[in-house]
N, C-alpha and C. Protein backbone atom coordinates (compact mmCIF):
# COMPACT_ATOMS: atom_id res chain seq x y z
N MET A 1 4.41 -2.86 10.61
CA MET A 1 5.10 -3.70 9.67
C MET A 1 5.54 -2.88 8.47
N THR A 2 6.20 -1.79 8.69
CA THR A 2 6.68 -0.98 7.58
C THR A 2 8.18 -0.82 7.66
N GLY A 3 8.82 -0.76 6.49
CA GLY A 3 10.25 -0.50 6.43
C GLY A 3 11.13 -1.63 6.92
N THR A 4 10.60 -2.86 6.99
CA THR A 4 11.40 -3.96 7.50
C THR A 4 12.23 -4.63 6.41
N LEU A 5 11.89 -4.42 5.17
CA LEU A 5 12.62 -5.01 4.06
C LEU A 5 13.40 -3.92 3.33
N ALA A 6 13.98 -4.29 2.20
CA ALA A 6 14.70 -3.30 1.40
C ALA A 6 13.75 -2.16 1.06
N PRO A 7 14.26 -0.94 1.02
CA PRO A 7 13.40 0.21 0.73
C PRO A 7 12.69 0.06 -0.61
N THR A 8 11.45 0.49 -0.65
CA THR A 8 10.70 0.45 -1.90
C THR A 8 10.63 1.87 -2.46
N GLN A 9 10.39 1.96 -3.75
CA GLN A 9 10.25 3.26 -4.39
C GLN A 9 8.98 3.95 -3.87
N PRO A 10 9.02 5.26 -3.71
CA PRO A 10 7.80 5.97 -3.31
C PRO A 10 6.71 5.77 -4.35
N LEU A 11 5.48 5.77 -3.90
CA LEU A 11 4.35 5.65 -4.81
C LEU A 11 4.15 6.99 -5.53
N THR A 12 3.70 6.93 -6.77
CA THR A 12 3.46 8.13 -7.56
C THR A 12 2.00 8.16 -8.00
N ALA A 13 1.60 9.24 -8.64
CA ALA A 13 0.23 9.37 -9.16
C ALA A 13 -0.06 8.32 -10.22
N ALA A 14 0.97 7.75 -10.81
CA ALA A 14 0.78 6.72 -11.84
C ALA A 14 0.46 5.35 -11.22
N ASP A 15 0.72 5.17 -9.93
CA ASP A 15 0.42 3.90 -9.25
C ASP A 15 -1.06 3.88 -8.91
N ARG A 16 -1.75 2.83 -9.33
CA ARG A 16 -3.19 2.75 -9.20
C ARG A 16 -3.62 1.58 -8.32
N CYS A 17 -4.71 1.76 -7.61
CA CYS A 17 -5.28 0.72 -6.75
C CYS A 17 -5.68 -0.49 -7.58
N ASP A 18 -5.30 -1.68 -7.12
CA ASP A 18 -5.63 -2.91 -7.83
C ASP A 18 -7.12 -3.25 -7.74
N ARG A 19 -7.86 -2.63 -6.84
CA ARG A 19 -9.30 -2.89 -6.71
C ARG A 19 -10.15 -1.95 -7.54
N CYS A 20 -9.81 -0.64 -7.53
CA CYS A 20 -10.73 0.32 -8.14
C CYS A 20 -10.07 1.28 -9.14
N GLY A 21 -8.76 1.31 -9.20
CA GLY A 21 -8.07 2.19 -10.15
C GLY A 21 -7.79 3.59 -9.64
N ALA A 22 -8.19 3.89 -8.39
CA ALA A 22 -7.86 5.19 -7.81
C ALA A 22 -6.36 5.25 -7.52
N GLN A 23 -5.85 6.43 -7.19
CA GLN A 23 -4.44 6.55 -6.87
C GLN A 23 -4.10 5.67 -5.67
N ALA A 24 -3.02 4.92 -5.78
CA ALA A 24 -2.58 4.03 -4.70
C ALA A 24 -1.72 4.78 -3.70
N TYR A 25 -1.98 4.54 -2.44
CA TYR A 25 -1.19 5.13 -1.35
C TYR A 25 -0.56 4.05 -0.47
N VAL A 26 -0.84 2.79 -0.78
CA VAL A 26 -0.31 1.68 0.03
C VAL A 26 0.21 0.59 -0.91
N ARG A 27 1.44 0.13 -0.64
CA ARG A 27 2.03 -1.00 -1.36
C ARG A 27 2.14 -2.15 -0.36
N VAL A 28 1.57 -3.30 -0.71
CA VAL A 28 1.62 -4.49 0.13
C VAL A 28 2.50 -5.52 -0.55
N LEU A 29 3.60 -5.88 0.11
CA LEU A 29 4.47 -6.95 -0.40
C LEU A 29 4.01 -8.24 0.27
N LEU A 30 3.69 -9.22 -0.54
CA LEU A 30 3.14 -10.47 -0.04
C LEU A 30 4.24 -11.47 0.32
N ASN A 31 3.93 -12.34 1.26
CA ASN A 31 4.86 -13.40 1.64
C ASN A 31 5.24 -14.25 0.43
N SER A 32 4.34 -14.38 -0.52
CA SER A 32 4.57 -15.19 -1.72
C SER A 32 5.49 -14.50 -2.72
N GLY A 33 5.80 -13.22 -2.47
CA GLY A 33 6.68 -12.48 -3.37
C GLY A 33 5.96 -11.50 -4.26
N GLY A 34 4.64 -11.53 -4.28
CA GLY A 34 3.87 -10.61 -5.11
C GLY A 34 3.74 -9.24 -4.46
N GLU A 35 3.07 -8.36 -5.16
CA GLU A 35 2.87 -6.99 -4.69
C GLU A 35 1.46 -6.56 -5.06
N LEU A 36 0.80 -5.87 -4.15
CA LEU A 36 -0.52 -5.30 -4.40
C LEU A 36 -0.48 -3.82 -4.05
N LEU A 37 -1.24 -3.01 -4.80
CA LEU A 37 -1.36 -1.59 -4.53
C LEU A 37 -2.80 -1.27 -4.18
N PHE A 38 -2.99 -0.40 -3.18
CA PHE A 38 -4.34 -0.06 -2.75
C PHE A 38 -4.48 1.42 -2.47
N CYS A 39 -5.68 1.95 -2.74
CA CYS A 39 -6.05 3.28 -2.28
C CYS A 39 -6.29 3.16 -0.77
N ALA A 40 -6.43 4.29 -0.09
CA ALA A 40 -6.64 4.26 1.36
C ALA A 40 -7.92 3.53 1.73
N HIS A 41 -8.98 3.74 0.95
CA HIS A 41 -10.27 3.10 1.24
C HIS A 41 -10.16 1.58 1.21
N HIS A 42 -9.57 1.04 0.16
CA HIS A 42 -9.50 -0.42 0.04
C HIS A 42 -8.49 -1.03 1.01
N MET A 43 -7.46 -0.27 1.37
CA MET A 43 -6.54 -0.78 2.40
C MET A 43 -7.27 -0.90 3.72
N ARG A 44 -8.05 0.12 4.09
CA ARG A 44 -8.83 0.04 5.34
C ARG A 44 -9.80 -1.13 5.30
N LYS A 45 -10.45 -1.32 4.16
CA LYS A 45 -11.45 -2.38 4.02
C LYS A 45 -10.84 -3.77 4.18
N HIS A 46 -9.62 -3.97 3.66
CA HIS A 46 -9.00 -5.31 3.65
C HIS A 46 -7.81 -5.43 4.60
N ASP A 47 -7.62 -4.46 5.46
CA ASP A 47 -6.43 -4.38 6.32
C ASP A 47 -6.16 -5.67 7.09
N ASP A 48 -7.13 -6.19 7.82
CA ASP A 48 -6.91 -7.39 8.64
C ASP A 48 -6.47 -8.59 7.81
N SER A 49 -7.13 -8.81 6.69
CA SER A 49 -6.78 -9.94 5.82
C SER A 49 -5.40 -9.78 5.21
N LEU A 50 -5.08 -8.56 4.77
CA LEU A 50 -3.79 -8.32 4.13
C LEU A 50 -2.63 -8.49 5.10
N ARG A 51 -2.79 -8.05 6.33
CA ARG A 51 -1.71 -8.17 7.31
C ARG A 51 -1.35 -9.63 7.59
N LYS A 52 -2.27 -10.54 7.37
CA LYS A 52 -2.01 -11.97 7.59
C LYS A 52 -1.10 -12.56 6.50
N ILE A 53 -1.10 -11.94 5.32
CA ILE A 53 -0.34 -12.50 4.19
C ILE A 53 0.78 -11.58 3.70
N ALA A 54 1.00 -10.47 4.41
CA ALA A 54 2.00 -9.49 3.97
C ALA A 54 3.34 -9.68 4.65
N SER A 55 4.40 -9.50 3.88
CA SER A 55 5.74 -9.48 4.47
C SER A 55 6.13 -8.04 4.80
N ASP A 56 5.51 -7.06 4.12
CA ASP A 56 5.78 -5.65 4.39
C ASP A 56 4.63 -4.81 3.84
N ILE A 57 4.34 -3.72 4.52
CA ILE A 57 3.31 -2.78 4.06
C ILE A 57 3.92 -1.38 4.07
N HIS A 58 3.96 -0.78 2.89
CA HIS A 58 4.49 0.57 2.73
C HIS A 58 3.30 1.52 2.61
N ASP A 59 3.03 2.29 3.65
CA ASP A 59 1.83 3.11 3.75
C ASP A 59 2.19 4.59 3.59
N GLU A 60 1.65 5.22 2.56
CA GLU A 60 1.85 6.65 2.33
C GLU A 60 0.55 7.43 2.44
N THR A 61 -0.42 6.90 3.20
CA THR A 61 -1.70 7.59 3.32
C THR A 61 -1.57 8.93 4.03
N ASP A 62 -0.46 9.14 4.73
CA ASP A 62 -0.25 10.45 5.38
C ASP A 62 -0.20 11.58 4.34
N LYS A 63 0.10 11.26 3.10
CA LYS A 63 0.13 12.27 2.03
C LYS A 63 -1.27 12.84 1.77
N LEU A 64 -2.29 12.12 2.15
CA LEU A 64 -3.66 12.60 1.95
C LEU A 64 -3.97 13.79 2.84
N ASN A 65 -3.28 13.91 3.97
CA ASN A 65 -3.49 15.00 4.92
C ASN A 65 -2.46 16.10 4.77
N ASP A 66 -1.63 16.02 3.75
CA ASP A 66 -0.58 17.01 3.54
C ASP A 66 -1.20 18.35 3.13
N ASP A 67 -0.89 19.42 3.83
CA ASP A 67 -1.48 20.73 3.58
C ASP A 67 -0.63 21.62 2.67
N LYS A 68 -0.03 21.05 1.68
CA LYS A 68 0.82 21.85 0.77
C LYS A 68 -0.01 22.68 -0.17
């Protein structure tokens, strides 16, 4: 469920997880029109529940494995 809506801006180091304040790597657009940001840990923890209420999920967790 990624990239199905209008493109979203890439996440930056300034984007913070709504649960813990760590850097966000996932943006969840809700069916209700809202938006939530999550670190990889909290996205994994709440993945099943979020997918039920999300219209789109923009996942950039692949950046965590980037060997630059």
